[in-house]
């Protein structure tokens, strides 16, 4: 049984629901928030966790093994380092940090403490993404040719009524960082490393400091090409993903928060291959969706079992990608990856 303290009762509400679903593996011992009423609002019958206002109280609890950070982005790196110094494993909502320098400091702290850091990318889990991974494992997709990502959501004044949102100081970025980051993680999860990118960003929808629209082109190290279209001015919240492989095209539905939960279409390029694809799809192993799937893999990893847990380096890759996107958008230049400590935005992309 893994004992957890959740820091933040906002998105922490969804984390808590997933931990409840995995009660044979996790126990939530504390939920920390400056507003204790928010903590009590997410409590259900049967919950025995302590409601705390002070993070240090959770870090001082010797029975807490994992600290789950659900705080605003500008706090992620510093609180992660505090938790590691207290001897805790860390789960951290995206982004893991807002600079490559902080990523390197967290890496060193995790190594020194001999503890794990798990960046949150729950979109990876769902039946349809499990099917796509299964087809890739079976060798039925062939090489990826192109991919297209659409993050077309609706955000207005009510969303930005939270003071830290839409600001560089509080949210540390706009639609690229807070909304499309999961789909970009799915791109690298399925298509591998990015060799270079070109990006355009702008603010067209809301009166905020950060961007709410973007268009990005990627070249993968495999030779595949990808595009990402992002806006917070759509009529509804929709995410659409399409991966065109040599032997098939995989197309998602439009579910915004769990693209792998809805059925995808998997269409063979050669019609005679469709029966083989359909047969393989029917043998895809079952996996839970979203946060439940994400946390289940962490439990396996902490127990020393074979797993597909999101790694610290996955989070580091995500931060490097955001850095490269903002650098390209500001300079008008194509940016090659990976980035190193000599890069001019190594210490952060904040203006």
Protein backbone atom coordinates (compact mmCIF):
# COMPACT_ATOMS: atom_id res chain seq x y z
CA UNK A 1 0.00 0.00 0.00
CA UNK A 2 1.39 3.38 -1.06
CA UNK A 3 0.60 6.37 1.17
CA UNK A 4 0.03 9.65 -0.66
CA UNK A 5 -0.35 13.34 0.23
CA UNK A 6 -2.11 15.47 -2.40
CA UNK A 7 -1.04 19.12 -2.55
CA UNK A 8 -3.87 21.20 -4.02
CA UNK A 9 -7.60 20.46 -4.10
CA UNK A 10 -8.25 21.82 -7.61
CA UNK A 11 -7.09 19.23 -10.14
CA UNK A 12 -6.32 17.23 -7.00
CA UNK A 13 -10.02 16.36 -6.98
CA UNK A 14 -9.53 14.21 -10.09
CA UNK A 15 -6.36 12.66 -8.69
CA UNK A 16 -8.25 11.75 -5.53
CA UNK A 17 -11.00 10.04 -7.53
CA UNK A 18 -8.40 7.88 -9.28
CA UNK A 19 -6.69 6.98 -6.02
CA UNK A 20 -10.08 5.90 -4.65
CA UNK A 21 -10.50 3.62 -7.67
CA UNK A 22 -7.09 2.09 -6.86
CA UNK A 23 -7.71 1.70 -3.14
CA UNK A 24 -6.00 -1.68 -3.11
CA UNK A 25 -2.73 0.11 -4.02
CA UNK A 26 -2.98 3.67 -2.69
CA UNK A 27 -4.12 5.38 0.52
CA UNK A 28 -4.50 9.16 0.59
CA UNK A 29 -3.31 10.29 4.02
CA UNK A 30 -3.60 14.05 3.54
CA UNK A 31 -4.93 16.71 1.18
CA UNK A 32 -3.28 20.13 1.50
CA UNK A 33 -4.86 23.40 0.40
CA UNK A 34 -4.82 26.95 1.72
CA UNK A 35 -8.63 26.83 1.61
CA UNK A 36 -9.69 23.95 3.87
CA UNK A 37 -13.27 24.30 2.65
CA UNK A 38 -12.09 23.15 -0.78
CA UNK A 39 -10.59 20.07 0.83
CA UNK A 40 -13.80 19.23 2.66
CA UNK A 41 -15.73 19.78 -0.56
CA UNK A 42 -13.95 16.83 -2.19
CA UNK A 43 -14.18 14.54 0.82
CA UNK A 44 -16.55 11.57 0.51
CA UNK A 45 -17.87 9.05 2.99
CA UNK A 46 -15.05 6.65 3.74
CA UNK A 47 -12.25 9.18 3.20
CA UNK A 48 -10.00 9.37 6.25
CA UNK A 49 -7.35 11.79 4.99
CA UNK A 50 -6.28 14.80 7.03
CA UNK A 51 -7.14 18.28 5.71
CA UNK A 52 -4.03 20.45 6.03
CA UNK A 53 -3.08 24.03 5.15
CA UNK A 54 0.68 23.61 5.52
CA UNK A 55 2.73 21.63 2.99
CA UNK A 56 5.44 21.08 5.58
CA UNK A 57 3.02 19.05 7.71
CA UNK A 58 2.56 16.59 4.85
CA UNK A 59 6.29 16.46 4.13
CA UNK A 60 7.02 15.76 7.80
CA UNK A 61 4.66 12.77 7.94
CA UNK A 62 6.94 9.68 7.97
CA UNK A 63 4.14 7.49 6.62
CA UNK A 64 3.72 9.58 3.44
CA UNK A 65 5.74 7.95 0.69
CA UNK A 66 4.52 9.92 -2.32
CA UNK A 67 3.73 13.63 -2.63
CA UNK A 68 1.29 14.45 -5.45
CA UNK A 69 1.79 18.07 -6.55
CA UNK A 70 -1.38 19.68 -7.96
CA UNK A 71 -0.34 23.31 -7.47
CA UNK A 72 -0.01 26.24 -9.93
CA UNK A 73 2.88 25.79 -12.40
CA UNK A 74 5.22 28.36 -10.88
CA UNK A 75 5.39 26.24 -7.69
CA UNK A 76 6.11 22.86 -9.28
CA UNK A 77 9.91 22.88 -9.35
CA UNK A 78 10.47 24.30 -5.87
CA UNK A 79 7.91 22.06 -4.16
CA UNK A 80 9.24 19.01 -6.03
CA UNK A 81 12.71 19.72 -4.65
CA UNK A 82 11.31 20.19 -1.14
CA UNK A 83 9.51 16.86 -1.35
CA UNK A 84 12.61 15.06 -2.61
CA UNK A 85 14.66 16.59 0.21
CA UNK A 86 12.07 15.16 2.63
CA UNK A 87 12.66 11.70 1.16
CA UNK A 88 9.40 11.43 -0.79
CA UNK A 89 8.70 10.17 -4.27
CA UNK A 90 6.96 12.85 -6.34
CA UNK A 91 4.05 12.95 -8.76
CA UNK A 92 3.91 16.39 -10.40
CA UNK A 93 1.23 17.92 -12.61
CA UNK A 94 2.39 19.46 -15.86
CA UNK A 95 4.67 21.21 -16.43
CA UNK A 96 7.36 19.58 -14.34
CA UNK A 97 9.28 22.87 -14.37
CA UNK A 98 9.45 26.11 -16.31
CA UNK A 99 13.12 25.95 -17.24
CA UNK A 100 15.67 23.39 -18.32
CA UNK A 101 17.87 24.60 -15.47
CA UNK A 102 15.19 23.61 -12.95
CA UNK A 103 14.79 20.25 -14.70
CA UNK A 104 18.50 19.57 -14.23
CA UNK A 105 18.31 20.60 -10.57
CA UNK A 106 15.38 18.24 -10.00
CA UNK A 107 17.26 15.43 -11.74
CA UNK A 108 20.22 15.90 -9.40
CA UNK A 109 17.95 16.10 -6.34
CA UNK A 110 16.12 12.90 -7.30
CA UNK A 111 19.39 11.07 -7.81
CA UNK A 112 20.76 12.30 -4.48
CA UNK A 113 17.58 11.28 -2.63
CA UNK A 114 17.22 7.99 -4.56
CA UNK A 115 13.59 8.85 -5.25
CA UNK A 116 11.38 8.84 -8.35
CA UNK A 117 9.68 11.79 -10.03
CA UNK A 118 6.62 11.08 -12.19
CA UNK A 119 5.37 13.92 -14.44
CA UNK A 120 1.61 13.73 -15.03
CA UNK A 121 0.65 12.74 -18.59
CA UNK A 122 -2.58 10.83 -18.06
CA UNK A 123 -3.75 11.20 -21.67
CA UNK A 124 -1.58 8.20 -22.58
CA UNK A 125 -4.12 5.82 -21.03
CA UNK A 126 -7.31 4.67 -22.68
CA UNK A 127 -8.58 1.77 -24.80
CA UNK A 128 -7.89 3.38 -28.19
CA UNK A 129 -4.31 4.37 -27.41
CA UNK A 130 -3.79 0.88 -26.03
CA UNK A 131 -5.02 -0.43 -29.38
CA UNK A 132 -2.60 1.79 -31.30
CA UNK A 133 0.34 0.71 -29.14
CA UNK A 134 -0.72 -2.92 -29.61
CA UNK A 135 -0.79 -2.53 -33.41
CA UNK A 136 2.67 -0.94 -33.29
CA UNK A 137 4.00 -3.76 -31.10
CA UNK A 138 2.55 -6.32 -33.52
CA UNK A 139 4.39 -4.62 -36.41
CA UNK A 140 1.17 -3.81 -38.28
CA UNK A 141 1.51 -0.03 -38.62
CA UNK A 142 4.76 0.42 -40.46
CA UNK A 143 6.70 3.65 -40.10
CA UNK A 144 4.90 6.87 -39.30
CA UNK A 145 4.65 9.26 -42.25
CA UNK A 146 2.78 12.28 -40.87
CA UNK A 147 0.74 13.25 -37.83
CA UNK A 148 -1.76 16.06 -37.19
CA UNK A 149 -2.83 17.32 -33.77
CA UNK A 150 -5.73 19.68 -33.08
CA UNK A 151 -6.21 21.23 -29.64
CA UNK A 152 -9.28 23.39 -30.31
CA UNK A 153 -10.80 24.40 -26.99
CA UNK A 154 -12.93 27.24 -25.64
CA UNK A 155 -11.67 29.45 -22.82
CA UNK A 156 -13.20 32.77 -21.80
CA UNK A 157 -13.36 35.32 -19.01
CA UNK A 158 -14.69 32.82 -16.47
CA UNK A 159 -11.63 30.59 -16.93
CA UNK A 160 -9.26 33.54 -16.55
CA UNK A 161 -11.05 34.84 -13.46
CA UNK A 162 -8.53 32.75 -11.49
CA UNK A 163 -5.84 35.42 -10.91
CA UNK A 164 -2.76 33.38 -11.85
CA UNK A 165 -4.17 32.12 -15.17
CA UNK A 166 -3.20 33.83 -18.39
CA UNK A 167 -0.13 35.37 -16.75
CA UNK A 168 3.54 34.61 -17.26
CA UNK A 169 4.22 34.89 -13.53
CA UNK A 170 1.46 32.50 -12.43
CA UNK A 171 0.61 30.14 -15.30
CA UNK A 172 4.07 30.49 -16.87
CA UNK A 173 2.64 30.08 -20.36
CA UNK A 174 -0.51 29.94 -22.42
CA UNK A 175 -2.21 27.40 -24.66
CA UNK A 176 1.10 25.78 -25.65
CA UNK A 177 1.96 25.06 -22.03
CA UNK A 178 -1.38 24.56 -20.33
CA UNK A 179 -3.51 22.93 -23.02
CA UNK A 180 -1.58 21.35 -25.91
CA UNK A 181 1.20 19.95 -23.74
CA UNK A 182 -0.62 16.62 -23.35
CA UNK A 183 -1.11 16.19 -27.10
CA UNK A 184 2.53 17.04 -27.71
CA UNK A 185 3.44 14.35 -25.17
CA UNK A 186 1.28 11.90 -27.13
CA UNK A 187 3.14 12.89 -30.29
CA UNK A 188 6.52 11.99 -28.81
CA UNK A 189 5.03 8.94 -27.06
CA UNK A 190 3.84 7.53 -30.40
CA UNK A 191 6.25 9.08 -32.90
CA UNK A 192 9.49 9.31 -30.93
CA UNK A 193 11.97 12.16 -30.65
CA UNK A 194 11.61 15.53 -32.36
CA UNK A 195 14.56 16.69 -34.46
CA UNK A 196 13.44 20.30 -35.05
CA UNK A 197 10.38 22.57 -35.05
CA UNK A 198 9.05 25.89 -36.24
CA UNK A 199 6.34 27.71 -34.28
CA UNK A 200 4.02 30.69 -34.47
CA UNK A 201 2.07 31.91 -31.44
CA UNK A 202 -0.36 34.78 -30.93
CA UNK A 203 -3.07 36.11 -28.62
CA UNK A 204 -6.36 36.51 -30.50
CA UNK A 205 -9.16 35.32 -28.21
CA UNK A 206 -8.75 36.71 -24.70
CA UNK A 207 -7.14 39.79 -23.18
CA UNK A 208 -4.34 37.90 -21.46
CA UNK A 209 -0.54 38.10 -21.32
CA UNK A 210 0.10 34.64 -22.74
CA UNK A 211 -0.70 33.07 -26.12
CA UNK A 212 -4.08 31.47 -26.84
CA UNK A 213 -3.41 30.37 -30.45
CA UNK A 214 -0.46 28.58 -32.04
CA UNK A 215 0.62 26.69 -35.13
CA UNK A 216 3.64 24.39 -34.96
CA UNK A 217 5.48 22.19 -37.48
CA UNK A 218 7.66 19.30 -36.30
CA UNK A 219 10.23 17.10 -38.02
CA UNK A 220 10.78 13.84 -36.15
CA UNK A 221 14.14 12.09 -35.97
CA UNK A 222 12.50 9.21 -37.85
CA UNK A 223 11.86 11.51 -40.80
CA UNK A 224 8.11 11.78 -40.13
CA UNK A 225 6.47 15.21 -40.16
CA UNK A 226 3.79 16.53 -37.78
CA UNK A 227 1.67 19.62 -37.25
CA UNK A 228 -0.08 21.04 -34.19
CA UNK A 229 -2.97 23.52 -34.42
CA UNK A 230 -3.97 25.18 -31.13
CA UNK A 231 -6.70 27.65 -30.20
CA UNK A 232 -8.71 28.56 -27.13
CA UNK A 233 -11.33 30.29 -29.27
CA UNK A 234 -13.20 27.27 -30.60
CA UNK A 235 -16.96 26.84 -30.18
CA UNK A 236 -16.46 23.75 -28.01
CA UNK A 237 -13.60 21.78 -26.45
CA UNK A 238 -12.31 19.27 -28.99
CA UNK A 239 -9.09 17.32 -29.43
CA UNK A 240 -8.43 15.43 -32.64
CA UNK A 241 -5.35 13.32 -33.41
CA UNK A 242 -4.42 11.61 -36.66
CA UNK A 243 -1.40 9.37 -37.25
CA UNK A 244 -0.76 8.27 -40.83
CA UNK A 245 1.48 5.21 -40.92
CA UNK A 246 2.77 3.25 -43.90
CA UNK A 247 0.10 0.57 -43.52
CA UNK A 248 -2.79 2.32 -41.74
CA UNK A 249 -4.29 5.60 -40.64
CA UNK A 250 -5.33 6.02 -36.99
CA UNK A 251 -7.84 8.80 -36.27
CA UNK A 252 -9.18 9.78 -32.85
CA UNK A 253 -12.59 11.06 -31.86
CA UNK A 254 -12.93 14.55 -30.43
CA UNK A 255 -12.93 13.94 -26.64
CA UNK A 256 -10.91 16.87 -25.23
CA UNK A 257 -9.58 15.47 -21.96
CA UNK A 258 -9.19 11.75 -22.66
CA UNK A 259 -8.59 11.23 -26.38
CA UNK A 260 -7.82 7.57 -25.82
CA UNK A 261 -11.15 6.90 -24.12
CA UNK A 262 -13.33 7.24 -27.22
CA UNK A 263 -13.20 4.76 -30.12
CA UNK A 264 -10.65 5.53 -32.85
CA UNK A 265 -10.78 4.41 -36.45
CA UNK A 266 -7.92 2.22 -37.69
CA UNK A 267 -8.12 1.98 -41.47
CA UNK A 268 -5.74 -0.14 -43.50
CA UNK A 269 -4.24 1.50 -46.57
CA UNK A 270 -4.49 -1.80 -48.43
CA UNK A 271 -8.05 -3.13 -48.00
CA UNK A 272 -6.89 -6.74 -47.80
CA UNK A 273 -5.02 -5.90 -44.55
CA UNK A 274 -8.14 -4.70 -42.71
CA UNK A 275 -9.16 -8.15 -41.44
CA UNK A 276 -5.69 -8.64 -39.95
CA UNK A 277 -5.90 -5.25 -38.23
CA UNK A 278 -9.35 -5.97 -36.83
CA UNK A 279 -8.20 -9.32 -35.49
CA UNK A 280 -5.24 -7.71 -33.72
CA UNK A 281 -7.43 -4.96 -32.28
CA UNK A 282 -9.68 -7.57 -30.70
CA UNK A 283 -6.73 -8.94 -28.71
CA UNK A 284 -5.59 -5.61 -27.21
CA UNK A 285 -4.91 -5.93 -23.46
CA UNK A 286 -7.33 -3.99 -21.26
CA UNK A 287 -6.07 -0.94 -19.38
CA UNK A 288 -7.77 1.71 -17.23
CA UNK A 289 -8.33 5.25 -18.52
CA UNK A 290 -6.67 8.55 -17.63
CA UNK A 291 -5.43 9.16 -14.11
CA UNK A 292 -6.35 5.65 -13.01
CA UNK A 293 -4.15 4.14 -15.70
CA UNK A 294 -1.37 6.63 -14.97
CA UNK A 295 -1.33 5.89 -11.23
CA UNK A 296 -1.62 2.13 -11.75
CA UNK A 297 1.65 2.16 -13.68
CA UNK A 298 3.34 4.16 -10.89
CA UNK A 299 2.26 1.52 -8.39
CA UNK A 300 3.84 -1.16 -10.57
CA UNK A 301 7.06 0.84 -10.88
CA UNK A 302 7.37 1.49 -7.15
CA UNK A 303 6.84 -2.23 -6.53
CA UNK A 304 9.63 -3.08 -8.95
CA UNK A 305 7.39 -4.70 -11.57
CA UNK A 306 7.45 -4.27 -15.34
CA UNK A 307 5.54 -1.11 -16.19
CA UNK A 308 4.85 1.75 -18.60
CA UNK A 309 5.04 4.56 -16.06
CA UNK A 310 5.76 8.07 -17.28
CA UNK A 311 9.40 8.79 -16.47
CA UNK A 312 11.22 11.87 -15.27
CA UNK A 313 12.90 12.07 -18.68
CA UNK A 314 9.47 12.21 -20.35
CA UNK A 315 8.80 15.33 -18.31
CA UNK A 316 12.21 16.74 -19.17
CA UNK A 317 11.48 16.20 -22.87
CA UNK A 318 8.20 18.07 -22.49
CA UNK A 319 9.89 21.08 -20.87
CA UNK A 320 12.54 21.13 -23.60
CA UNK A 321 9.80 21.07 -26.23
CA UNK A 322 7.95 24.02 -24.68
CA UNK A 323 11.25 25.92 -24.47
CA UNK A 324 11.93 25.27 -28.15
CA UNK A 325 8.41 26.31 -29.19
CA UNK A 326 8.60 29.65 -27.38
CA UNK A 327 12.11 30.27 -28.71
CA UNK A 328 11.03 29.61 -32.30
CA UNK A 329 7.92 31.77 -31.95
CA UNK A 330 9.92 34.71 -30.59
CA UNK A 331 12.85 34.51 -33.01
CA UNK A 332 11.11 33.30 -36.16
CA UNK A 333 13.77 30.62 -36.50
CA UNK A 334 13.62 26.84 -36.74
CA UNK A 335 14.93 25.28 -33.53
CA UNK A 336 16.83 22.01 -33.40
CA UNK A 337 16.51 19.56 -30.51
CA UNK A 338 17.85 18.49 -28.07
CA UNK A 339 18.72 21.73 -26.28
CA UNK A 340 21.78 22.05 -24.05
CA UNK A 341 22.77 24.38 -21.17
CA UNK A 342 24.24 26.88 -23.63
CA UNK A 343 20.77 27.62 -25.05
CA UNK A 344 19.64 31.20 -24.39
CA UNK A 345 16.39 30.02 -22.76
CA UNK A 346 18.07 27.37 -20.60
CA UNK A 347 17.17 29.32 -17.46
CA UNK A 348 13.56 29.80 -18.52
CA UNK A 349 11.22 31.08 -21.20
CA UNK A 350 9.45 33.71 -19.07
CA UNK A 351 9.70 37.15 -20.72
